[in-house]
PDB file of N, CA and C in Angstrom:
ATOM      1  N   MET A   1      20.502-219.024   2.198  1.00  0.00           N
ATOM      2  CA  MET A   1      20.562-219.587   0.864  1.00  0.00           C
ATOM      3  C   MET A   1      20.070-221.038   0.933  1.00  0.00           C
ATOM      4  N   ASN A   2      19.222-221.434  -0.022  1.00  0.00           N
ATOM      5  CA  ASN A   2      18.697-222.799   0.011  1.00  0.00           C
ATOM      6  C   ASN A   2      19.706-223.799  -0.565  1.00  0.00           C
ATOM      7  N   ASP A   3      19.436-225.084  -0.353  1.00  0.00           N
ATOM      8  CA  ASP A   3      20.362-226.134  -0.799  1.00  0.00           C
ATOM      9  C   ASP A   3      20.563-226.121  -2.305  1.00  0.00           C
ATOM     10  N   TYR A   4      19.498-225.828  -3.063  1.00  0.00           N
ATOM     11  CA  TYR A   4      19.614-225.809  -4.526  1.00  0.00           C
ATOM     12  C   TYR A   4      20.586-224.717  -4.964  1.00  0.00           C
ATOM     13  N   ALA A   5      20.484-223.527  -4.397  1.00  0.00           N
ATOM     14  CA  ALA A   5      21.370-222.414  -4.762  1.00  0.00           C
ATOM     15  C   ALA A   5      22.820-222.746  -4.411  1.00  0.00           C
ATOM     16  N   VAL A   6      23.036-223.341  -3.255  1.00  0.00           N
ATOM     17  CA  VAL A   6      24.390-223.732  -2.863  1.00  0.00           C
ATOM     18  C   VAL A   6      24.940-224.760  -3.848  1.00  0.00           C
ATOM     19  N   ASN A   7      24.121-225.736  -4.251  1.00  0.00           N
ATOM     20  CA  ASN A   7      24.538-226.775  -5.192  1.00  0.00           C
ATOM     21  C   ASN A   7      24.904-226.169  -6.548  1.00  0.00           C
ATOM     22  N   VAL A   8      24.120-225.227  -7.051  1.00  0.00           N
ATOM     23  CA  VAL A   8      24.403-224.573  -8.338  1.00  0.00           C
ATOM     24  C   VAL A   8      25.710-223.804  -8.256  1.00  0.00           C
ATOM     25  N   LEU A   9      25.925-223.051  -7.193  1.00  0.00           N
ATOM     26  CA  LEU A   9      27.168-222.293  -7.031  1.00  0.00           C
ATOM     27  C   LEU A   9      28.375-223.221  -6.941  1.00  0.00           C
ATOM     28  N   THR A  10      28.213-224.327  -6.239  1.00  0.00           N
ATOM     29  CA  THR A  10      29.309-225.288  -6.101  1.00  0.00           C
ATOM     30  C   THR A  10      29.652-225.886  -7.456  1.00  0.00           C
ATOM     31  N   ARG A  11      28.641-226.246  -8.255  1.00  0.00           N
ATOM     32  CA  ARG A  11      28.898-226.824  -9.575  1.00  0.00           C
ATOM     33  C   ARG A  11      29.595-225.824 -10.488  1.00  0.00           C
ATOM     34  N   LYS A  12      29.207-224.551 -10.431  1.00  0.00           N
ATOM     35  CA  LYS A  12      29.862-223.539 -11.263  1.00  0.00           C
ATOM     36  C   LYS A  12      31.320-223.371 -10.854  1.00  0.00           C
ATOM     37  N   ARG A  13      31.585-223.364  -9.559  1.00  0.00           N
ATOM     38  CA  ARG A  13      32.959-223.256  -9.071  1.00  0.00           C
ATOM     39  C   ARG A  13      33.761-224.480  -9.507  1.00  0.00           C
ATOM     40  N   ASP A  14      33.178-225.673  -9.333  1.00  0.00           N
ATOM     41  CA  ASP A  14      33.861-226.902  -9.720  1.00  0.00           C
ATOM     42  C   ASP A  14      34.146-226.930 -11.220  1.00  0.00           C
ATOM     43  N   ALA A  15      33.213-226.452 -12.037  1.00  0.00           N
ATOM     44  CA  ALA A  15      33.423-226.418 -13.486  1.00  0.00           C
ATOM     45  C   ALA A  15      34.585-225.496 -13.846  1.00  0.00           C
ATOM     46  N   ALA A  16      34.706-224.368 -13.153  1.00  0.00           N
ATOM     47  CA  ALA A  16      35.814-223.446 -13.407  1.00  0.00           C
ATOM     48  C   ALA A  16      37.147-224.091 -13.032  1.00  0.00           C
ATOM     49  N   VAL A  17      37.176-224.825 -11.933  1.00  0.00           N
ATOM     50  CA  VAL A  17      38.403-225.514 -11.515  1.00  0.00           C
ATOM     51  C   VAL A  17      38.750-226.604 -12.522  1.00  0.00           C
ATOM     52  N   MET A  18      37.760-227.376 -12.954  1.00  0.00           N
ATOM     53  CA  MET A  18      38.000-228.423 -13.940  1.00  0.00           C
ATOM     54  C   MET A  18      38.535-227.831 -15.237  1.00  0.00           C
ATOM     55  N   GLU A  19      37.988-226.719 -15.666  1.00  0.00           N
ATOM     56  CA  GLU A  19      38.444-226.061 -16.897  1.00  0.00           C
ATOM     57  C   GLU A  19      39.914-225.671 -16.791  1.00  0.00           C
ATOM     58  N   LYS A  20      40.332-225.228 -15.615  1.00  0.00           N
ATOM     59  CA  LYS A  20      41.742-224.867 -15.409  1.00  0.00           C
ATOM     60  C   LYS A  20      42.637-226.075 -15.673  1.00  0.00           C
ATOM     61  N   TYR A  21      42.245-227.236 -15.153  1.00  0.00           N
ATOM     62  CA  TYR A  21      43.033-228.445 -15.368  1.00  0.00           C
ATOM     63  C   TYR A  21      42.997-228.891 -16.825  1.00  0.00           C
ATOM     64  N   LEU A  22      41.856-228.766 -17.482  1.00  0.00           N
ATOM     65  CA  LEU A  22      41.740-229.178 -18.880  1.00  0.00           C
ATOM     66  C   LEU A  22      42.628-228.338 -19.797  1.00  0.00           C
ATOM     67  N   GLN A  23      42.980-227.133 -19.359  1.00  0.00           N
ATOM     68  CA  GLN A  23      43.872-226.287 -20.161  1.00  0.00           C
ATOM     69  C   GLN A  23      45.287-226.853 -20.235  1.00  0.00           C
ATOM     70  N   LEU A  24      45.608-227.851 -19.426  1.00  0.00           N
ATOM     71  CA  LEU A  24      46.917-228.512 -19.499  1.00  0.00           C
ATOM     72  C   LEU A  24      47.026-229.436 -20.711  1.00  0.00           C
ATOM     73  N   LEU A  25      45.887-229.857 -21.262  1.00  0.00           N
ATOM     74  CA  LEU A  25      45.906-230.792 -22.386  1.00  0.00           C
ATOM     75  C   LEU A  25      46.718-230.225 -23.553  1.00  0.00           C
ATOM     76  N   GLY A  26      47.626-231.035 -24.067  1.00  0.00           N
ATOM     77  CA  GLY A  26      48.436-230.632 -25.213  1.00  0.00           C
ATOM     78  C   GLY A  26      49.671-229.820 -24.869  1.00  0.00           C
ATOM     79  N   CYS A  27      49.831-229.437 -23.621  1.00  0.00           N
ATOM     80  CA  CYS A  27      50.997-228.642 -23.218  1.00  0.00           C
ATOM     81  C   CYS A  27      52.189-229.561 -22.917  1.00  0.00           C
ATOM     82  N   ARG A  28      53.379-229.077 -23.228  1.00  0.00           N
ATOM     83  CA  ARG A  28      54.583-229.765 -22.757  1.00  0.00           C
ATOM     84  C   ARG A  28      54.729-229.427 -21.282  1.00  0.00           C
ATOM     85  N   ALA A  29      55.103-230.426 -20.484  1.00  0.00           N
ATOM     86  CA  ALA A  29      55.219-230.224 -19.040  1.00  0.00           C
ATOM     87  C   ALA A  29      56.393-231.019 -18.490  1.00  0.00           C
ATOM     88  N   ARG A  30      56.814-230.639 -17.274  1.00  0.00           N
ATOM     89  CA  ARG A  30      57.899-231.340 -16.583  1.00  0.00           C
ATOM     90  C   ARG A  30      57.428-231.683 -15.172  1.00  0.00           C
ATOM     91  N   ASP A  31      57.720-232.919 -14.758  1.00  0.00           N
ATOM     92  CA  ASP A  31      57.443-233.349 -13.392  1.00  0.00           C
ATOM     93  C   ASP A  31      58.587-232.865 -12.513  1.00  0.00           C
ATOM     94  N   ILE A  32      58.266-232.159 -11.418  1.00  0.00           N
ATOM     95  CA  ILE A  32      59.315-231.566 -10.581  1.00  0.00           C
ATOM     96  C   ILE A  32      60.063-232.598  -9.740  1.00  0.00           C
ATOM     97  N   VAL A  33      59.498-233.798  -9.582  1.00  0.00           N
ATOM     98  CA  VAL A  33      60.158-234.830  -8.782  1.00  0.00           C
ATOM     99  C   VAL A  33      61.120-235.657  -9.635  1.00  0.00           C
ATOM    100  N   THR A  34      60.643-236.169 -10.768  1.00  0.00           N
ATOM    101  CA  THR A  34      61.461-237.050 -11.613  1.00  0.00           C
ATOM    102  C   THR A  34      62.162-236.304 -12.740  1.00  0.00           C
ATOM    103  N   GLU A  35      61.737-235.056 -12.997  1.00  0.00           N
ATOM    104  CA  GLU A  35      62.222-234.231 -14.106  1.00  0.00           C
ATOM    105  C   GLU A  35      61.866-234.814 -15.473  1.00  0.00           C
ATOM    106  N   ALA A  36      60.912-235.735 -15.508  1.00  0.00           N
ATOM    107  CA  ALA A  36      60.435-236.274 -16.777  1.00  0.00           C
ATOM    108  C   ALA A  36      59.679-235.176 -17.528  1.00  0.00           C
ATOM    109  N   GLU A  37      59.847-235.138 -18.858  1.00  0.00           N
ATOM    110  CA  GLU A  37      59.159-234.154 -19.690  1.00  0.00           C
ATOM    111  C   GLU A  37      58.352-234.875 -20.758  1.00  0.00           C
ATOM    112  N   GLY A  38      57.190-234.321 -21.072  1.00  0.00           N
ATOM    113  CA  GLY A  38      56.358-234.888 -22.114  1.00  0.00           C
ATOM    114  C   GLY A  38      55.187-233.974 -22.408  1.00  0.00           C
ATOM    115  N   VAL A  39      54.265-234.481 -23.209  1.00  0.00           N
ATOM    116  CA  VAL A  39      53.058-233.742 -23.582  1.00  0.00           C
ATOM    117  C   VAL A  39      51.884-234.325 -22.809  1.00  0.00           C
ATOM    118  N   VAL A  40      51.107-233.461 -22.172  1.00  0.00           N
ATOM    119  CA  VAL A  40      49.928-233.902 -21.418  1.00  0.00           C
ATOM    120  C   VAL A  40      48.853-234.312 -22.420  1.00  0.00           C
ATOM    121  N   GLU A  41      48.463-235.593 -22.361  1.00  0.00           N
ATOM    122  CA  GLU A  41      47.479-236.077 -23.329  1.00  0.00           C
ATOM    123  C   GLU A  41      46.155-236.494 -22.692  1.00  0.00           C
ATOM    124  N   SER A  42      46.099-236.537 -21.363  1.00  0.00           N
ATOM    125  CA  SER A  42      44.857-236.904 -20.695  1.00  0.00           C
ATOM    126  C   SER A  42      44.859-236.342 -19.279  1.00  0.00           C
ATOM    127  N   ILE A  43      43.666-235.978 -18.800  1.00  0.00           N
ATOM    128  CA  ILE A  43      43.483-235.493 -17.429  1.00  0.00           C
ATOM    129  C   ILE A  43      42.440-236.387 -16.769  1.00  0.00           C
ATOM    130  N   SER A  44      42.677-236.756 -15.511  1.00  0.00           N
ATOM    131  CA  SER A  44      41.750-237.621 -14.778  1.00  0.00           C
ATOM    132  C   SER A  44      41.376-236.978 -13.452  1.00  0.00           C
ATOM    133  N   PHE A  45      40.083-237.000 -13.148  1.00  0.00           N
ATOM    134  CA  PHE A  45      39.554-236.526 -11.867  1.00  0.00           C
ATOM    135  C   PHE A  45      39.028-237.758 -11.146  1.00  0.00           C
ATOM    136  N   ASP A  46      39.693-238.178 -10.071  1.00  0.00           N
ATOM    137  CA  ASP A  46      39.243-239.414  -9.432  1.00  0.00           C
ATOM    138  C   ASP A  46      38.273-239.140  -8.285  1.00  0.00           C
ATOM    139  N   LEU A  47      37.722-240.201  -7.769  1.00  0.00           N
ATOM    140  CA  LEU A  47      36.693-240.144  -6.739  1.00  0.00           C
ATOM    141  C   LEU A  47      37.193-239.520  -5.439  1.00  0.00           C
ATOM    142  N   TYR A  48      38.487-239.530  -5.214  1.00  0.00           N
ATOM    143  CA  TYR A  48      39.051-239.043  -3.963  1.00  0.00           C
ATOM    144  C   TYR A  48      39.599-237.622  -4.063  1.00  0.00           C
ATOM    145  N   GLY A  49      39.385-236.968  -5.211  1.00  0.00           N
ATOM    146  CA  GLY A  49      39.791-235.579  -5.361  1.00  0.00           C
ATOM    147  C   GLY A  49      41.167-235.373  -5.962  1.00  0.00           C
ATOM    148  N   CYS A  50      41.841-236.445  -6.325  1.00  0.00           N
ATOM    149  CA  CYS A  50      43.165-236.325  -6.931  1.00  0.00           C
ATOM    150  C   CYS A  50      43.017-236.066  -8.431  1.00  0.00           C
ATOM    151  N   VAL A  51      43.747-235.090  -8.934  1.00  0.00           N
ATOM    152  CA  VAL A  51      43.738-234.787 -10.366  1.00  0.00           C
ATOM    153  C   VAL A  51      45.095-235.198 -10.914  1.00  0.00           C
ATOM    154  N   GLN A  52      45.065-236.047 -11.934  1.00  0.00           N
ATOM    155  CA  GLN A  52      46.298-236.541 -12.528  1.00  0.00           C
ATOM    156  C   GLN A  52      46.297-236.319 -14.025  1.00  0.00           C
ATOM    157  N   ALA A  53      47.513-236.311 -14.580  1.00  0.00           N
ATOM    158  CA  ALA A  53      47.683-236.135 -16.012  1.00  0.00           C
ATOM    159  C   ALA A  53      48.552-237.260 -16.551  1.00  0.00           C
ATOM    160  N   VAL A  54      48.243-237.702 -17.761  1.00  0.00           N
ATOM    161  CA  VAL A  54      49.120-238.635 -18.467  1.00  0.00           C
ATOM    162  C   VAL A  54      50.032-237.799 -19.342  1.00  0.00           C
ATOM    163  N   MET A  55      51.354-238.017 -19.189  1.00  0.00           N
ATOM    164  CA  MET A  55      52.317-237.368 -20.075  1.00  0.00           C
ATOM    165  C   MET A  55      52.901-238.428 -21.000  1.00  0.00           C
ATOM    166  N   ARG A  56      52.918-238.101 -22.282  1.00  0.00           N
ATOM    167  CA  ARG A  56      53.541-238.981 -23.273  1.00  0.00           C
ATOM    168  C   ARG A  56      54.896-238.388 -23.614  1.00  0.00           C
ATOM    169  N   PHE A  57      55.916-239.240 -23.614  1.00  0.00           N
ATOM    170  CA  PHE A  57      57.280-238.785 -23.836  1.00  0.00           C
ATOM    171  C   PHE A  57      57.621-238.770 -25.321  1.00  0.00           C
ATOM    172  N   GLN A  58      58.641-238.006 -25.675  1.00  0.00           N
ATOM    173  CA  GLN A  58      59.059-237.903 -27.068  1.00  0.00           C
ATOM    174  C   GLN A  58      59.589-239.250 -27.546  1.00  0.00           C
ATOM    175  N   GLN A  59      59.285-239.562 -28.785  1.00  0.00           N
ATOM    176  CA  GLN A  59      59.709-240.828 -29.367  1.00  0.00           C
ATOM    177  C   GLN A  59      61.219-240.823 -29.613  1.00  0.00           C
ATOM    178  N   ASP A  60      61.847-241.941 -29.322  1.00  0.00           N
ATOM    179  CA  ASP A  60      63.270-242.117 -29.574  1.00  0.00           C
ATOM    180  C   ASP A  60      63.459-242.302 -31.083  1.00  0.00           C
ATOM    181  N   LYS A  61      64.173-241.378 -31.727  1.00  0.00           N
ATOM    182  CA  LYS A  61      64.338-241.421 -33.186  1.00  0.00           C
ATOM    183  C   LYS A  61      65.098-242.658 -33.649  1.00  0.00           C
ATOM    184  N   SER A  62      65.901-243.264 -32.768  1.00  0.00           N
ATOM    185  CA  SER A  62      66.623-244.474 -33.150  1.00  0.00           C
ATOM    186  C   SER A  62      65.724-245.718 -33.121  1.00  0.00           C
ATOM    187  N   LYS A  63      64.502-245.557 -32.580  1.00  0.00           N
ATOM    188  CA  LYS A  63      63.541-246.670 -32.513  1.00  0.00           C
ATOM    189  C   LYS A  63      62.203-246.197 -33.083  1.00  0.00           C
ATOM    190  N   PRO A  64      62.137-245.980 -34.413  1.00  0.00           N
ATOM    191  CA  PRO A  64      60.934-245.382 -35.011  1.00  0.00           C
ATOM    192  C   PRO A  64      59.673-246.240 -34.920  1.00  0.00           C
ATOM    193  N   ASN A  65      59.811-247.536 -34.672  1.00  0.00           N
ATOM    194  CA  ASN A  65      58.635-248.413 -34.590  1.00  0.00           C
ATOM    195  C   ASN A  65      58.088-248.560 -33.182  1.00  0.00           C
ATOM    196  N   GLU A  66      58.719-247.921 -32.206  1.00  0.00           N
ATOM    197  CA  GLU A  66      58.267-248.015 -30.825  1.00  0.00           C
ATOM    198  C   GLU A  66      57.646-246.697 -30.384  1.00  0.00           C
ATOM    199  N   CYS A  67      56.492-246.797 -29.771  1.00  0.00           N
ATOM    200  CA  CYS A  67      55.805-245.614 -29.241  1.00  0.00           C
ATOM    201  C   CYS A  67      55.918-245.655 -27.716  1.00  0.00           C
ATOM    202  N   PRO A  68      56.509-244.632 -27.116  1.00  0.00           N
ATOM    203  CA  PRO A  68      56.669-244.666 -25.655  1.00  0.00           C
ATOM    204  C   PRO A  68      55.323-244.622 -24.935  1.00  0.00           C
ATOM    205  N   ASP A  69      55.251-245.335 -23.825  1.00  0.00           N
ATOM    206  CA  ASP A  69      54.046-245.328 -23.004  1.00  0.00           C
ATOM    207  C   ASP A  69      53.914-243.997 -22.273  1.00  0.00           C
ATOM    208  N   GLY A  70      52.675-243.602 -22.006  1.00  0.00           N
ATOM    209  CA  GLY A  70      52.434-242.445 -21.161  1.00  0.00           C
ATOM    210  C   GLY A  70      52.534-242.855 -19.703  1.00  0.00           C
ATOM    211  N   ARG A  71      52.760-241.896 -18.843  1.00  0.00           N
ATOM    212  CA  ARG A  71      52.845-242.144 -17.404  1.00  0.00           C
ATOM    213  C   ARG A  71      51.945-241.153 -16.674  1.00  0.00           C
ATOM    214  N   TRP A  72      51.357-241.588 -15.556  1.00  0.00           N
ATOM    215  CA  TRP A  72      50.481-240.743 -14.750  1.00  0.00           C
ATOM    216  C   TRP A  72      51.298-239.908 -13.772  1.00  0.00           C
ATOM    217  N   TYR A  73      50.947-238.623 -13.647  1.00  0.00           N
ATOM    218  CA  TYR A  73      51.579-237.712 -12.695  1.00  0.00           C
ATOM    219  C   TYR A  73      50.502-236.866 -12.029  1.00  0.00           C
ATOM    220  N   ASP A  74      50.681-236.564 -10.744  1.00  0.00           N
ATOM    221  CA  ASP A  74      49.799-235.610 -10.076  1.00  0.00           C
ATOM    222  C   ASP A  74      50.028-234.240 -10.713  1.00  0.00           C
ATOM    223  N   VAL A  75      48.953-233.528 -11.030  1.00  0.00           N
ATOM    224  CA  VAL A  75      49.115-232.231 -11.688  1.00  0.00           C
ATOM    225  C   VAL A  75      49.822-231.220 -10.797  1.00  0.00           C
ATOM    226  N   LYS A  76      49.759-231.404  -9.471  1.00  0.00           N
ATOM    227  CA  LYS A  76      50.454-230.492  -8.556  1.00  0.00           C
ATOM    228  C   LYS A  76      51.961-230.527  -8.762  1.00  0.00           C
ATOM    229  N   ARG A  77      52.459-231.612  -9.328  1.00  0.00           N
ATOM    230  CA  ARG A  77      53.900-231.779  -9.531  1.00  0.00           C
ATOM    231  C   ARG A  77      54.367-231.286 -10.895  1.00  0.00           C
ATOM    232  N   LEU A  78      53.451-230.838 -11.757  1.00  0.00           N
ATOM    233  CA  LEU A  78      53.821-230.472 -13.122  1.00  0.00           C
ATOM    234  C   LEU A  78      54.084-228.984 -13.277  1.00  0.00           C
ATOM    235  N   ILE A  79      55.104-228.677 -14.067  1.00  0.00           N
ATOM    236  CA  ILE A  79      55.398-227.308 -14.484  1.00  0.00           C
ATOM    237  C   ILE A  79      55.128-227.255 -15.981  1.00  0.00           C
ATOM    238  N   VAL A  80      54.289-226.336 -16.414  1.00  0.00           N
ATOM    239  CA  VAL A  80      53.965-226.193 -17.835  1.00  0.00           C
ATOM    240  C   VAL A  80      55.123-225.508 -18.543  1.00  0.00           C
ATOM    241  N   LEU A  81      55.565-226.108 -19.662  1.00  0.00           N
ATOM    242  CA  LEU A  81      56.712-225.593 -20.405  1.00  0.00           C
ATOM    243  C   LEU A  81      56.327-224.883 -21.692  1.00  0.00           C
ATOM    244  N   SER A  82      55.107-225.126 -22.201  1.00  0.00           N
ATOM    245  CA  SER A  82      54.715-224.522 -23.475  1.00  0.00           C
ATOM    246  C   SER A  82      53.204-224.393 -23.563  1.00  0.00           C
ATOM    247  N   ASP A  83      52.780-223.632 -24.552  1.00  0.00           N
ATOM    248  CA  ASP A  83      51.368-223.606 -24.921  1.00  0.00           C
ATOM    249  C   ASP A  83      51.028-224.959 -25.539  1.00  0.00           C
ATOM    250  N   PRO A  84      49.732-225.281 -25.698  1.00  0.00           N
ATOM    251  CA  PRO A  84      49.370-226.559 -26.319  1.00  0.00           C
ATOM    252  C   PRO A  84      50.004-226.700 -27.704  1.00  0.00           C
ATOM    253  N   ILE A  85      50.464-227.909 -28.027  1.00  0.00           N
ATOM    254  CA  ILE A  85      51.099-228.148 -29.319  1.00  0.00           C
ATOM    255  C   ILE A  85      50.077-228.417 -30.421  1.00  0.00           C
ATOM    256  N   MET A  86      48.823-228.598 -30.038  1.00  0.00           N
ATOM    257  CA  MET A  86      47.744-228.765 -31.011  1.00  0.00           C
ATOM    258  C   MET A  86      46.445-228.265 -30.375  1.00  0.00           C
ATOM    259  N   ALA A  87      45.452-228.086 -31.208  1.00  0.00           N
ATOM    260  CA  ALA A  87      44.163-227.598 -30.710  1.00  0.00           C
ATOM    261  C   ALA A  87      43.521-228.648 -29.806  1.00  0.00           C
ATOM    262  N   VAL A  88      43.007-228.192 -28.680  1.00  0.00           N
ATOM    263  CA  VAL A  88      42.314-229.078 -27.746  1.00  0.00           C
ATOM    264  C   VAL A  88      40.866-229.215 -28.214  1.00  0.00           C
ATOM    265  N   PRO A  89      40.320-230.438 -28.219  1.00  0.00           N
ATOM    266  CA  PRO A  89      38.938-230.618 -28.683  1.00  0.00           C
ATOM    267  C   PRO A  89      37.928-229.889 -27.797  1.00  0.00           C
ATOM    268  N   GLU A  90      36.789-229.561 -28.378  1.00  0.00           N
ATOM    269  CA  GLU A  90      35.668-229.013 -27.612  1.00  0.00           C
ATOM    270  C   GLU A  90      34.920-230.196 -27.010  1.00  0.00           C
ATOM    271  N   PHE A  91      34.764-230.181 -25.704  1.00  0.00           N
ATOM    272  CA  PHE A  91      34.105-231.299 -25.044  1.00  0.00           C
ATOM    273  C   PHE A  91      32.623-231.032 -24.787  1.00  0.00           C
ATOM    274  N   SER A  92      32.108-229.887 -25.235  1.00  0.00           N
ATOM    275  CA  SER A  92      30.725-229.536 -24.947  1.00  0.00           C
ATOM    276  C   SER A  92      29.744-230.160 -25.932  1.00  0.00           C
ATOM    277  N   GLY A  93      30.210-230.587 -27.088  1.00  0.00           N
ATOM    278  CA  GLY A  93      29.325-231.167 -28.092  1.00  0.00           C
ATOM    279  C   GLY A  93      29.256-232.674 -27.982  1.00  0.00           C
ATOM    280  N   ALA A  94      28.664-233.281 -29.009  1.00  0.00           N
ATOM    281  CA  ALA A  94      28.566-234.740 -29.043  1.00  0.00           C
ATOM    282  C   ALA A  94      29.957-235.341 -29.180  1.00  0.00           C
ATOM    283  N   GLU A  95      30.158-236.479 -28.543  1.00  0.00           N
ATOM    284  CA  GLU A  95      31.457-237.144 -28.587  1.00  0.00           C
ATOM    285  C   GLU A  95      31.685-237.758 -29.957  1.00  0.00           C
ATOM    286  N   ILE A  96      32.847-237.493 -30.516  1.00  0.00           N
ATOM    287  CA  ILE A  96      33.241-238.114 -31.773  1.00  0.00           C
ATOM    288  C   ILE A  96      34.471-238.944 -31.471  1.00  0.00           C
ATOM    289  N   GLY A  97      34.296-240.228 -31.447  1.00  0.00           N
ATOM    290  CA  GLY A  97      35.405-241.117 -31.130  1.00  0.00           C
ATOM    291  C   GLY A  97      36.200-241.490 -32.362  1.00  0.00           C
ATOM    292  N   ALA A  98      37.249-242.254 -32.160  1.00  0.00           N
ATOM    293  CA  ALA A  98      38.126-242.655 -33.257  1.00  0.00           C
ATOM    294  C   ALA A  98      37.369-243.447 -34.323  1.00  0.00           C
ATOM    295  N   ALA A  99      36.366-244.211 -33.929  1.00  0.00           N
ATOM    296  CA  ALA A  99      35.606-245.010 -34.890  1.00  0.00           C
ATOM    297  C   ALA A  99      34.820-244.115 -35.855  1.00  0.00           C
ATOM    298  N   ASP A 100      34.495-242.901 -35.452  1.00  0.00           N
ATOM    299  CA  ASP A 100      33.738-241.992 -36.303  1.00  0.00           C
ATOM    300  C   ASP A 100      34.630-241.153 -37.215  1.00  0.00           C
ATOM    301  N   LYS A 101      35.927-241.232 -37.023  1.00  0.00           N
ATOM    302  CA  LYS A 101      36.857-240.442 -37.826  1.00  0.00           C
ATOM    303  C   LYS A 101      37.492-241.349 -38.868  1.00  0.00           C
ATOM    304  N   PRO A 102      37.445-240.962 -40.150  1.00  0.00           N
ATOM    305  CA  PRO A 102      38.040-241.822 -41.176  1.00  0.00           C
ATOM    306  C   PRO A 102      39.566-241.813 -41.070  1.00  0.00           C
ATOM    307  N   LEU A 103      40.166-242.928 -41.430  1.00  0.00           N
ATOM    308  CA  LEU A 103      41.618-242.998 -41.465  1.00  0.00           C
ATOM    309  C   LEU A 103      42.122-242.169 -42.644  1.00  0.00           C
ATOM    310  N   PRO A 104      43.259-241.481 -42.509  1.00  0.00           N
ATOM    311  CA  PRO A 104      43.797-240.698 -43.612  1.00  0.00           C
ATOM    312  C   PRO A 104      44.074-241.595 -44.822  1.00  0.00           C
ATOM    313  N   GLY A 105      43.618-241.149 -45.993  1.00  0.00           N
ATOM    314  CA  GLY A 105      43.901-241.875 -47.218  1.00  0.00           C
ATOM    315  C   GLY A 105      43.071-243.124 -47.443  1.00  0.00           C
ATOM    316  N   ARG A 106      42.109-243.369 -46.583  1.00  0.00           N
ATOM    317  CA  ARG A 106      41.304-244.597 -46.708  1.00  0.00           C
ATOM    318  C   ARG A 106      39.981-244.269 -47.380  1.00  0.00           C
ATOM    319  N   LEU A 107      39.589-245.107 -48.325  1.00  0.00           N
ATOM    320  CA  LEU A 107      38.323-244.916 -49.027  1.00  0.00           C
ATOM    321  C   LEU A 107      37.178-245.410 -48.177  1.00  0.00           C
ATOM    322  N   ARG A 108      36.057-244.748 -48.295  1.00  0.00           N
ATOM    323  CA  ARG A 108      34.864-245.175 -47.546  1.00  0.00           C
ATOM    324  C   ARG A 108      34.030-246.102 -48.382  1.00  0.00           C
TER     325      ARG A 108
END
């Protein structure tokens, strides 16, 4: 097998693995070490092969003006507790950032 064929097969395998991790987005999860629970809102693939997720914790109802910070966790330590709580965006199309989305109730 030539180098090009090996490279194509490797990229397809890597894409399938990445897709598996992206399916964590929006799911409620628990860290098995700290027992922290939250919603996975971001996935990161770093240069050294570590895959991490940001979990955002539920807001304290007694402090409605405070938004809890997310925390990074290795995905190997997470147990998925639910299906995604909202639809996960399609990442195959053009990027639509927050600046391109109108604020609710705001006139253009």
